[in-house]
């Protein structure tokens, strides 16, 4: 998922810091038993539909 987001606009994360942070957060969530749909639901709840509509199903 992080690779797909980074490929859409490489200029957004030129240093790779945002990609590393996202991968770390997703790995931690996965270890706590969260599923991908849980992460999407949480992002939508915090950021609103328009913030994640381009990458979340």
Protein backbone atom coordinates (compact mmCIF):
# COMPACT_ATOMS: atom_id res chain seq x y z
CA UNK A 1 0.00 0.00 0.00
CA UNK A 2 2.77 2.42 0.88
CA UNK A 3 4.50 1.66 -2.41
CA UNK A 4 1.30 2.36 -4.35
CA UNK A 5 0.83 5.70 -2.57
CA UNK A 6 4.46 6.68 -3.12
CA UNK A 7 4.26 5.78 -6.82
CA UNK A 8 1.25 8.04 -7.34
CA UNK A 9 3.25 11.15 -6.53
CA UNK A 10 6.93 10.55 -5.71
CA UNK A 11 7.49 14.24 -4.94
CA UNK A 12 5.26 13.97 -1.88
CA UNK A 13 7.75 11.71 -0.11
CA UNK A 14 11.10 12.32 -1.75
CA UNK A 15 13.06 11.39 1.38
CA UNK A 16 11.01 8.26 2.10
CA UNK A 17 10.19 9.39 5.64
CA UNK A 18 6.44 9.32 5.18
CA UNK A 19 6.60 5.87 3.59
CA UNK A 20 8.67 4.53 6.49
CA UNK A 21 6.28 6.08 9.03
CA UNK A 22 3.26 4.58 7.27
CA UNK A 23 4.86 1.13 7.05
CA UNK A 24 5.80 1.28 10.72
CA UNK A 25 2.31 2.34 11.79
CA UNK A 26 0.67 -0.36 9.66
CA UNK A 27 3.02 -3.04 11.02
CA UNK A 28 2.26 -1.99 14.59
CA UNK A 29 -1.48 -2.01 13.90
CA UNK A 30 -1.23 -5.45 12.30
CA UNK A 31 0.65 -6.81 15.33
CA UNK A 32 -2.17 -5.57 17.57
CA UNK A 33 -4.67 -7.54 15.48
CA UNK A 34 -5.99 -4.76 13.29
CA UNK A 35 -7.02 -5.64 9.76
CA UNK A 36 -6.59 -3.31 6.75
CA UNK A 37 -10.29 -2.39 6.84
CA UNK A 38 -9.88 -1.27 10.46
CA UNK A 39 -7.06 1.08 9.46
CA UNK A 40 -9.13 2.54 6.60
CA UNK A 41 -12.12 3.01 8.92
CA UNK A 42 -9.94 4.80 11.49
CA UNK A 43 -8.40 7.11 8.87
CA UNK A 44 -11.82 7.95 7.42
CA UNK A 45 -13.17 8.69 10.88
CA UNK A 46 -10.24 11.01 11.73
CA UNK A 47 -9.59 12.66 8.39
CA UNK A 48 -12.89 12.51 6.58
CA UNK A 49 -13.90 10.78 3.39
CA UNK A 50 -12.23 13.21 0.98
CA UNK A 51 -8.82 12.83 2.65
CA UNK A 52 -8.57 9.14 1.87
CA UNK A 53 -11.03 8.61 -0.97
CA UNK A 54 -8.24 8.41 -3.56
CA UNK A 55 -6.52 5.39 -1.97
CA UNK A 56 -9.05 3.63 0.24
CA UNK A 57 -11.68 1.28 -1.15
